[in-house]
Amino acid sequence: MLRGQADFVVVPTAEFQSRLRLIHGLEKKIIQTYLWVTERNQCWETRDLEGGKEDKLRIKDGEYENPIRDFTKFLNAEGWAGLAKKLIRRTA
């Protein structure tokens, strides 16, 4: 997405909750999450990264890898496409 335009992250609720539990633990009742969209059109959950500032720089540079924190497949067109498929199945 171009700067100044909105990005959308469309994640199924169950998957979002499952990933946040894996990232932040089960004991928390309230979880604050930070989803970053990079200039490389990647989407990452960045709150409480274990590697701190170094991991944030890796995310920025496109070098970070963690499939649980990677929400890229839910970003913009891909996320909307997933929602559309689910809606079509419900109406069929």
PDB file of N, CA and C in Angstrom:
ATOM      1  N   MET A   1       0.850  -1.176   0.000  1.00  0.00           N
ATOM      2  CA  MET A   1       0.000   0.000   0.000  1.00  0.00           C
ATOM      3  C   MET A   1       0.895   1.240   0.000  1.00  0.00           C
ATOM      4  N   LEU A   2       0.422   2.272  -0.616  1.00  0.00           N
ATOM      5  CA  LEU A   2       1.177   3.516  -0.666  1.00  0.00           C
ATOM      6  C   LEU A   2       1.075   4.248   0.658  1.00  0.00           C
ATOM      7  N   ARG A   3       2.097   5.003   0.961  1.00  0.00           N
ATOM      8  CA  ARG A   3       2.050   5.797   2.194  1.00  0.00           C
ATOM      9  C   ARG A   3       0.845   6.720   2.190  1.00  0.00           C
ATOM     10  N   GLY A   4       0.257   6.856   3.342  1.00  0.00           N
ATOM     11  CA  GLY A   4      -0.906   7.722   3.475  1.00  0.00           C
ATOM     12  C   GLY A   4      -2.224   7.022   3.198  1.00  0.00           C
ATOM     13  N   GLN A   5      -2.162   5.787   2.688  1.00  0.00           N
ATOM     14  CA  GLN A   5      -3.376   5.020   2.471  1.00  0.00           C
ATOM     15  C   GLN A   5      -3.519   3.993   3.586  1.00  0.00           C
ATOM     16  N   ALA A   6      -4.756   3.635   3.868  1.00  0.00           N
ATOM     17  CA  ALA A   6      -5.015   2.677   4.942  1.00  0.00           C
ATOM     18  C   ALA A   6      -4.676   1.257   4.506  1.00  0.00           C
ATOM     19  N   ASP A   7      -4.155   0.480   5.441  1.00  0.00           N
ATOM     20  CA  ASP A   7      -3.973  -0.946   5.258  1.00  0.00           C
ATOM     21  C   ASP A   7      -5.013  -1.647   6.110  1.00  0.00           C
ATOM     22  N   PHE A   8      -5.426  -2.831   5.675  1.00  0.00           N
ATOM     23  CA  PHE A   8      -6.404  -3.608   6.408  1.00  0.00           C
ATOM     24  C   PHE A   8      -5.845  -4.991   6.670  1.00  0.00           C
ATOM     25  N   VAL A   9      -6.028  -5.465   7.901  1.00  0.00           N
ATOM     26  CA  VAL A   9      -5.626  -6.805   8.279  1.00  0.00           C
ATOM     27  C   VAL A   9      -6.906  -7.526   8.693  1.00  0.00           C
ATOM     28  N   VAL A  10      -7.296  -8.523   7.902  1.00  0.00           N
ATOM     29  CA  VAL A  10      -8.551  -9.235   8.133  1.00  0.00           C
ATOM     30  C   VAL A  10      -8.205 -10.665   8.529  1.00  0.00           C
ATOM     31  N   VAL A  11      -8.309 -10.946   9.842  1.00  0.00           N
ATOM     32  CA  VAL A  11      -7.889 -12.232  10.393  1.00  0.00           C
ATOM     33  C   VAL A  11      -9.096 -12.918  11.021  1.00  0.00           C
ATOM     34  N   PRO A  12      -9.299 -14.206  10.714  1.00  0.00           N
ATOM     35  CA  PRO A  12     -10.375 -14.924  11.408  1.00  0.00           C
ATOM     36  C   PRO A  12     -10.163 -14.853  12.930  1.00  0.00           C
ATOM     37  N   THR A  13     -11.226 -14.627  13.657  1.00  0.00           N
ATOM     38  CA  THR A  13     -11.153 -14.427  15.101  1.00  0.00           C
ATOM     39  C   THR A  13     -10.421 -15.559  15.814  1.00  0.00           C
ATOM     40  N   ALA A  14     -10.766 -16.790  15.507  1.00  0.00           N
ATOM     41  CA  ALA A  14     -10.154 -17.934  16.198  1.00  0.00           C
ATOM     42  C   ALA A  14      -8.646 -17.978  15.956  1.00  0.00           C
ATOM     43  N   GLU A  15      -8.227 -17.707  14.729  1.00  0.00           N
ATOM     44  CA  GLU A  15      -6.790 -17.725  14.442  1.00  0.00           C
ATOM     45  C   GLU A  15      -6.081 -16.576  15.152  1.00  0.00           C
ATOM     46  N   PHE A  16      -6.695 -15.407  15.158  1.00  0.00           N
ATOM     47  CA  PHE A  16      -6.104 -14.249  15.831  1.00  0.00           C
ATOM     48  C   PHE A  16      -5.923 -14.538  17.321  1.00  0.00           C
ATOM     49  N   GLN A  17      -6.969 -15.055  17.957  1.00  0.00           N
ATOM     50  CA  GLN A  17      -6.890 -15.371  19.380  1.00  0.00           C
ATOM     51  C   GLN A  17      -5.836 -16.437  19.654  1.00  0.00           C
ATOM     52  N   SER A  18      -5.793 -17.456  18.815  1.00  0.00           N
ATOM     53  CA  SER A  18      -4.818 -18.528  18.994  1.00  0.00           C
ATOM     54  C   SER A  18      -3.391 -18.008  18.897  1.00  0.00           C
ATOM     55  N   ARG A  19      -3.124 -17.208  17.893  1.00  0.00           N
ATOM     56  CA  ARG A  19      -1.773 -16.660  17.733  1.00  0.00           C
ATOM     57  C   ARG A  19      -1.393 -15.739  18.886  1.00  0.00           C
ATOM     58  N   LEU A  20      -2.329 -14.891  19.310  1.00  0.00           N
ATOM     59  CA  LEU A  20      -2.016 -13.982  20.418  1.00  0.00           C
ATOM     60  C   LEU A  20      -1.751 -14.750  21.703  1.00  0.00           C
ATOM     61  N   ARG A  21      -2.452 -15.851  21.910  1.00  0.00           N
ATOM     62  CA  ARG A  21      -2.174 -16.685  23.091  1.00  0.00           C
ATOM     63  C   ARG A  21      -0.772 -17.287  22.999  1.00  0.00           C
ATOM     64  N   LEU A  22      -0.396 -17.740  21.808  1.00  0.00           N
ATOM     65  CA  LEU A  22       0.945 -18.304  21.631  1.00  0.00           C
ATOM     66  C   LEU A  22       2.031 -17.243  21.845  1.00  0.00           C
ATOM     67  N   ILE A  23       1.768 -16.041  21.392  1.00  0.00           N
ATOM     68  CA  ILE A  23       2.756 -14.963  21.502  1.00  0.00           C
ATOM     69  C   ILE A  23       2.829 -14.411  22.921  1.00  0.00           C
ATOM     70  N   HIS A  24       1.668 -14.150  23.522  1.00  0.00           N
ATOM     71  CA  HIS A  24       1.619 -13.408  24.784  1.00  0.00           C
ATOM     72  C   HIS A  24       1.255 -14.246  26.003  1.00  0.00           C
ATOM     73  N   GLY A  25       0.864 -15.490  25.811  1.00  0.00           N
ATOM     74  CA  GLY A  25       0.531 -16.343  26.944  1.00  0.00           C
ATOM     75  C   GLY A  25      -0.960 -16.431  27.206  1.00  0.00           C
ATOM     76  N   LEU A  26      -1.332 -17.464  27.921  1.00  0.00           N
ATOM     77  CA  LEU A  26      -2.745 -17.733  28.204  1.00  0.00           C
ATOM     78  C   LEU A  26      -3.289 -16.973  29.400  1.00  0.00           C
ATOM     79  N   GLU A  27      -2.420 -16.553  30.287  1.00  0.00           N
ATOM     80  CA  GLU A  27      -2.892 -15.988  31.551  1.00  0.00           C
ATOM     81  C   GLU A  27      -3.442 -14.564  31.431  1.00  0.00           C
ATOM     82  N   LYS A  28      -3.175 -13.896  30.322  1.00  0.00           N
ATOM     83  CA  LYS A  28      -3.617 -12.506  30.185  1.00  0.00           C
ATOM     84  C   LYS A  28      -5.065 -12.440  29.721  1.00  0.00           C
ATOM     85  N   LYS A  29      -5.847 -11.590  30.382  1.00  0.00           N
ATOM     86  CA  LYS A  29      -7.237 -11.401  29.975  1.00  0.00           C
ATOM     87  C   LYS A  29      -7.346 -10.297  28.923  1.00  0.00           C
ATOM     88  N   ILE A  30      -6.457  -9.330  29.010  1.00  0.00           N
ATOM     89  CA  ILE A  30      -6.426  -8.244  28.037  1.00  0.00           C
ATOM     90  C   ILE A  30      -5.064  -8.270  27.365  1.00  0.00           C
ATOM     91  N   ILE A  31      -5.089  -8.266  26.049  1.00  0.00           N
ATOM     92  CA  ILE A  31      -3.836  -8.275  25.287  1.00  0.00           C
ATOM     93  C   ILE A  31      -3.817  -7.058  24.387  1.00  0.00           C
ATOM     94  N   GLN A  32      -2.754  -6.304  24.481  1.00  0.00           N
ATOM     95  CA  GLN A  32      -2.541  -5.199  23.547  1.00  0.00           C
ATOM     96  C   GLN A  32      -1.634  -5.721  22.444  1.00  0.00           C
ATOM     97  N   THR A  33      -1.991  -5.428  21.224  1.00  0.00           N
ATOM     98  CA  THR A  33      -1.220  -5.925  20.102  1.00  0.00           C
ATOM     99  C   THR A  33      -0.854  -4.789  19.169  1.00  0.00           C
ATOM    100  N   TYR A  34       0.310  -4.885  18.574  1.00  0.00           N
ATOM    101  CA  TYR A  34       0.765  -3.898  17.599  1.00  0.00           C
ATOM    102  C   TYR A  34       1.011  -4.623  16.292  1.00  0.00           C
ATOM    103  N   LEU A  35       0.223  -4.327  15.276  1.00  0.00           N
ATOM    104  CA  LEU A  35       0.453  -4.884  13.952  1.00  0.00           C
ATOM    105  C   LEU A  35       1.126  -3.810  13.107  1.00  0.00           C
ATOM    106  N   TRP A  36       2.306  -4.134  12.616  1.00  0.00           N
ATOM    107  CA  TRP A  36       3.058  -3.219  11.765  1.00  0.00           C
ATOM    108  C   TRP A  36       2.971  -3.685  10.328  1.00  0.00           C
ATOM    109  N   VAL A  37       2.779  -2.756   9.419  1.00  0.00           N
ATOM    110  CA  VAL A  37       2.860  -3.040   7.994  1.00  0.00           C
ATOM    111  C   VAL A  37       4.109  -2.334   7.488  1.00  0.00           C
ATOM    112  N   THR A  38       4.978  -3.118   6.857  1.00  0.00           N
ATOM    113  CA  THR A  38       6.251  -2.569   6.394  1.00  0.00           C
ATOM    114  C   THR A  38       6.133  -2.058   4.960  1.00  0.00           C
ATOM    115  N   GLU A  39       7.168  -1.357   4.522  1.00  0.00           N
ATOM    116  CA  GLU A  39       7.204  -0.885   3.142  1.00  0.00           C
ATOM    117  C   GLU A  39       7.307  -2.047   2.158  1.00  0.00           C
ATOM    118  N   ARG A  40       7.666  -3.223   2.639  1.00  0.00           N
ATOM    119  CA  ARG A  40       7.739  -4.432   1.801  1.00  0.00           C
ATOM    120  C   ARG A  40       6.408  -5.176   1.780  1.00  0.00           C
ATOM    121  N   ASN A  41       5.354  -4.528   2.293  1.00  0.00           N
ATOM    122  CA  ASN A  41       4.015  -5.116   2.367  1.00  0.00           C
ATOM    123  C   ASN A  41       3.992  -6.412   3.171  1.00  0.00           C
ATOM    124  N   GLN A  42       4.666  -6.387   4.290  1.00  0.00           N
ATOM    125  CA  GLN A  42       4.597  -7.475   5.249  1.00  0.00           C
ATOM    126  C   GLN A  42       3.892  -6.953   6.492  1.00  0.00           C
ATOM    127  N   CYS A  43       3.227  -7.845   7.200  1.00  0.00           N
ATOM    128  CA  CYS A  43       2.502  -7.456   8.411  1.00  0.00           C
ATOM    129  C   CYS A  43       2.969  -8.326   9.570  1.00  0.00           C
ATOM    130  N   TRP A  44       3.403  -7.683  10.646  1.00  0.00           N
ATOM    131  CA  TRP A  44       3.972  -8.389  11.800  1.00  0.00           C
ATOM    132  C   TRP A  44       3.341  -7.906  13.100  1.00  0.00           C
ATOM    133  N   GLU A  45       3.145  -8.823  14.032  1.00  0.00           N
ATOM    134  CA  GLU A  45       2.749  -8.481  15.398  1.00  0.00           C
ATOM    135  C   GLU A  45       4.050  -8.210  16.140  1.00  0.00           C
ATOM    136  N   THR A  46       4.219  -6.998  16.638  1.00  0.00           N
ATOM    137  CA  THR A  46       5.528  -6.576  17.161  1.00  0.00           C
ATOM    138  C   THR A  46       5.583  -6.318  18.655  1.00  0.00           C
ATOM    139  N   ARG A  47       4.488  -6.447  19.358  1.00  0.00           N
ATOM    140  CA  ARG A  47       4.525  -6.169  20.803  1.00  0.00           C
ATOM    141  C   ARG A  47       5.350  -7.232  21.529  1.00  0.00           C
ATOM    142  N   ASP A  48       6.214  -6.778  22.404  1.00  0.00           N
ATOM    143  CA  ASP A  48       7.038  -7.649  23.252  1.00  0.00           C
ATOM    144  C   ASP A  48       7.922  -8.616  22.459  1.00  0.00           C
ATOM    145  N   LEU A  49       8.537  -8.128  21.400  1.00  0.00           N
ATOM    146  CA  LEU A  49       9.481  -8.969  20.661  1.00  0.00           C
ATOM    147  C   LEU A  49      10.640  -9.344  21.565  1.00  0.00           C
ATOM    148  N   GLU A  50      11.032 -10.608  21.540  1.00  0.00           N
ATOM    149  CA  GLU A  50      12.115 -11.074  22.410  1.00  0.00           C
ATOM    150  C   GLU A  50      13.431 -10.393  22.088  1.00  0.00           C
ATOM    151  N   GLY A  51      13.665 -10.123  20.811  1.00  0.00           N
ATOM    152  CA  GLY A  51      14.920  -9.501  20.395  1.00  0.00           C
ATOM    153  C   GLY A  51      14.896  -7.979  20.454  1.00  0.00           C
ATOM    154  N   GLY A  52      13.813  -7.413  20.932  1.00  0.00           N
ATOM    155  CA  GLY A  52      13.695  -5.975  21.102  1.00  0.00           C
ATOM    156  C   GLY A  52      13.974  -5.181  19.842  1.00  0.00           C
ATOM    157  N   LYS A  53      14.789  -4.160  19.991  1.00  0.00           N
ATOM    158  CA  LYS A  53      15.075  -3.242  18.892  1.00  0.00           C
ATOM    159  C   LYS A  53      15.714  -3.966  17.704  1.00  0.00           C
ATOM    160  N   GLU A  54      16.547  -4.966  17.975  1.00  0.00           N
ATOM    161  CA  GLU A  54      17.194  -5.706  16.891  1.00  0.00           C
ATOM    162  C   GLU A  54      16.155  -6.424  16.028  1.00  0.00           C
ATOM    163  N   ASP A  55      15.138  -7.027  16.659  1.00  0.00           N
ATOM    164  CA  ASP A  55      14.079  -7.686  15.894  1.00  0.00           C
ATOM    165  C   ASP A  55      13.275  -6.673  15.088  1.00  0.00           C
ATOM    166  N   LYS A  56      13.037  -5.501  15.655  1.00  0.00           N
ATOM    167  CA  LYS A  56      12.303  -4.472  14.920  1.00  0.00           C
ATOM    168  C   LYS A  56      13.077  -4.040  13.680  1.00  0.00           C
ATOM    169  N   LEU A  57      14.391  -3.947  13.796  1.00  0.00           N
ATOM    170  CA  LEU A  57      15.216  -3.607  12.630  1.00  0.00           C
ATOM    171  C   LEU A  57      15.180  -4.736  11.599  1.00  0.00           C
ATOM    172  N   ARG A  58      15.183  -5.983  12.048  1.00  0.00           N
ATOM    173  CA  ARG A  58      15.081  -7.117  11.119  1.00  0.00           C
ATOM    174  C   ARG A  58      13.744  -7.089  10.381  1.00  0.00           C
ATOM    175  N   ILE A  59      12.681  -6.752  11.088  1.00  0.00           N
ATOM    176  CA  ILE A  59      11.368  -6.631  10.444  1.00  0.00           C
ATOM    177  C   ILE A  59      11.423  -5.552   9.375  1.00  0.00           C
ATOM    178  N   LYS A  60      11.952  -4.407   9.725  1.00  0.00           N
ATOM    179  CA  LYS A  60      12.064  -3.289   8.780  1.00  0.00           C
ATOM    180  C   LYS A  60      12.861  -3.680   7.544  1.00  0.00           C
ATOM    181  N   ASP A  61      13.921  -4.444   7.743  1.00  0.00           N
ATOM    182  CA  ASP A  61      14.800  -4.828   6.639  1.00  0.00           C
ATOM    183  C   ASP A  61      14.334  -6.077   5.894  1.00  0.00           C
ATOM    184  N   GLY A  62      13.219  -6.684   6.315  1.00  0.00           N
ATOM    185  CA  GLY A  62      12.696  -7.873   5.656  1.00  0.00           C
ATOM    186  C   GLY A  62      13.458  -9.140   5.983  1.00  0.00           C
ATOM    187  N   GLU A  63      14.165  -9.152   7.121  1.00  0.00           N
ATOM    188  CA  GLU A  63      15.004 -10.296   7.494  1.00  0.00           C
ATOM    189  C   GLU A  63      14.444 -11.105   8.660  1.00  0.00           C
ATOM    190  N   TYR A  64      13.363 -10.663   9.240  1.00  0.00           N
ATOM    191  CA  TYR A  64      12.791 -11.327  10.410  1.00  0.00           C
ATOM    192  C   TYR A  64      11.949 -12.517   9.971  1.00  0.00           C
ATOM    193  N   GLU A  65      11.994 -13.593  10.749  1.00  0.00           N
ATOM    194  CA  GLU A  65      11.174 -14.767  10.468  1.00  0.00           C
ATOM    195  C   GLU A  65      10.555 -15.293  11.763  1.00  0.00           C
ATOM    196  N   ASN A  66       9.255 -15.387  11.769  1.00  0.00           N
ATOM    197  CA  ASN A  66       8.516 -15.997  12.864  1.00  0.00           C
ATOM    198  C   ASN A  66       7.086 -16.199  12.360  1.00  0.00           C
ATOM    199  N   PRO A  67       6.738 -17.425  11.965  1.00  0.00           N
ATOM    200  CA  PRO A  67       5.424 -17.651  11.352  1.00  0.00           C
ATOM    201  C   PRO A  67       4.239 -17.306  12.252  1.00  0.00           C
ATOM    202  N   ILE A  68       4.404 -17.359  13.550  1.00  0.00           N
ATOM    203  CA  ILE A  68       3.289 -17.031  14.450  1.00  0.00           C
ATOM    204  C   ILE A  68       3.024 -15.531  14.453  1.00  0.00           C
ATOM    205  N   ARG A  69       4.069 -14.730  14.319  1.00  0.00           N
ATOM    206  CA  ARG A  69       3.915 -13.272  14.306  1.00  0.00           C
ATOM    207  C   ARG A  69       3.674 -12.704  12.907  1.00  0.00           C
ATOM    208  N   ASP A  70       3.758 -13.526  11.888  1.00  0.00           N
ATOM    209  CA  ASP A  70       3.613 -13.065  10.505  1.00  0.00           C
ATOM    210  C   ASP A  70       2.137 -13.082  10.104  1.00  0.00           C
ATOM    211  N   PHE A  71       1.561 -11.904   9.931  1.00  0.00           N
ATOM    212  CA  PHE A  71       0.163 -11.756   9.541  1.00  0.00           C
ATOM    213  C   PHE A  71       0.027 -11.275   8.097  1.00  0.00           C
ATOM    214  N   THR A  72       1.080 -11.429   7.305  1.00  0.00           N
ATOM    215  CA  THR A  72       1.096 -10.926   5.938  1.00  0.00           C
ATOM    216  C   THR A  72      -0.030 -11.521   5.095  1.00  0.00           C
ATOM    217  N   LYS A  73      -0.331 -12.796   5.295  1.00  0.00           N
ATOM    218  CA  LYS A  73      -1.365 -13.422   4.458  1.00  0.00           C
ATOM    219  C   LYS A  73      -2.761 -12.863   4.720  1.00  0.00           C
ATOM    220  N   PHE A  74      -2.909 -12.056   5.755  1.00  0.00           N
ATOM    221  CA  PHE A  74      -4.192 -11.434   6.073  1.00  0.00           C
ATOM    222  C   PHE A  74      -4.237  -9.953   5.704  1.00  0.00           C
ATOM    223  N   LEU A  75      -3.205  -9.483   5.035  1.00  0.00           N
ATOM    224  CA  LEU A  75      -3.058  -8.059   4.731  1.00  0.00           C
ATOM    225  C   LEU A  75      -3.762  -7.690   3.429  1.00  0.00           C
ATOM    226  N   ASN A  76      -4.544  -6.655   3.488  1.00  0.00           N
ATOM    227  CA  ASN A  76      -5.197  -6.048   2.329  1.00  0.00           C
ATOM    228  C   ASN A  76      -5.933  -7.067   1.464  1.00  0.00           C
ATOM    229  N   ALA A  77      -5.610  -7.194   0.183  1.00  0.00           N
ATOM    230  CA  ALA A  77      -6.372  -8.026  -0.755  1.00  0.00           C
ATOM    231  C   ALA A  77      -6.464  -9.475  -0.298  1.00  0.00           C
ATOM    232  N   GLU A  78      -5.369 -10.020   0.241  1.00  0.00           N
ATOM    233  CA  GLU A  78      -5.389 -11.412   0.682  1.00  0.00           C
ATOM    234  C   GLU A  78      -6.357 -11.605   1.846  1.00  0.00           C
ATOM    235  N   GLY A  79      -6.356 -10.675   2.772  1.00  0.00           N
ATOM    236  CA  GLY A  79      -7.270 -10.754   3.909  1.00  0.00           C
ATOM    237  C   GLY A  79      -8.726 -10.621   3.488  1.00  0.00           C
ATOM    238  N   TRP A  80      -8.991  -9.672   2.602  1.00  0.00           N
ATOM    239  CA  TRP A  80     -10.355  -9.501   2.116  1.00  0.00           C
ATOM    240  C   TRP A  80     -10.805 -10.720   1.322  1.00  0.00           C
ATOM    241  N   ALA A  81      -9.898 -11.332   0.553  1.00  0.00           N
ATOM    242  CA  ALA A  81     -10.249 -12.520  -0.233  1.00  0.00           C
ATOM    243  C   ALA A  81     -10.659 -13.666   0.693  1.00  0.00           C
ATOM    244  N   GLY A  82      -9.943 -13.831   1.795  1.00  0.00           N
ATOM    245  CA  GLY A  82     -10.300 -14.865   2.763  1.00  0.00           C
ATOM    246  C   GLY A  82     -11.675 -14.639   3.350  1.00  0.00           C
ATOM    247  N   LEU A  83     -11.992 -13.401   3.653  1.00  0.00           N
ATOM    248  CA  LEU A  83     -13.315 -13.068   4.187  1.00  0.00           C
ATOM    249  C   LEU A  83     -14.389 -13.316   3.135  1.00  0.00           C
ATOM    250  N   ALA A  84     -14.123 -12.929   1.900  1.00  0.00           N
ATOM    251  CA  ALA A  84     -15.105 -13.123   0.828  1.00  0.00           C
ATOM    252  C   ALA A  84     -15.409 -14.607   0.634  1.00  0.00           C
ATOM    253  N   LYS A  85     -14.374 -15.468   0.668  1.00  0.00           N
ATOM    254  CA  LYS A  85     -14.593 -16.916   0.527  1.00  0.00           C
ATOM    255  C   LYS A  85     -15.502 -17.440   1.634  1.00  0.00           C
ATOM    256  N   LYS A  86     -15.261 -16.962   2.844  1.00  0.00           N
ATOM    257  CA  LYS A  86     -16.077 -17.415   3.976  1.00  0.00           C
ATOM    258  C   LYS A  86     -17.530 -16.961   3.805  1.00  0.00           C
ATOM    259  N   LEU A  87     -17.723 -15.736   3.352  1.00  0.00           N
ATOM    260  CA  LEU A  87     -19.086 -15.228   3.160  1.00  0.00           C
ATOM    261  C   LEU A  87     -19.797 -15.973   2.049  1.00  0.00           C
ATOM    262  N   ILE A  88     -19.081 -16.296   0.981  1.00  0.00           N
ATOM    263  CA  ILE A  88     -19.685 -17.021  -0.143  1.00  0.00           C
ATOM    264  C   ILE A  88     -20.125 -18.413   0.326  1.00  0.00           C
ATOM    265  N   ARG A  89     -19.288 -19.077   1.134  1.00  0.00           N
ATOM    266  CA  ARG A  89     -19.646 -20.396   1.644  1.00  0.00           C
ATOM    267  C   ARG A  89     -20.914 -20.326   2.497  1.00  0.00           C
ATOM    268  N   ARG A  90     -21.069 -19.277   3.260  1.00  0.00           N
ATOM    269  CA  ARG A  90     -22.245 -19.156   4.137  1.00  0.00           C
ATOM    270  C   ARG A  90     -23.516 -18.896   3.351  1.00  0.00           C
ATOM    271  N   THR A  91     -23.420 -18.216   2.216  1.00  0.00           N
ATOM    272  CA  THR A  91     -24.614 -17.892   1.442  1.00  0.00           C
ATOM    273  C   THR A  91     -24.960 -18.981   0.432  1.00  0.00           C
ATOM    274  N   ALA A  92     -24.035 -19.889   0.190  1.00  0.00           N
ATOM    275  CA  ALA A  92     -24.286 -20.960  -0.815  1.00  0.00           C
ATOM    276  C   ALA A  92     -25.153 -22.057  -0.259  1.00  0.00           C
TER     277      ALA A  92
END
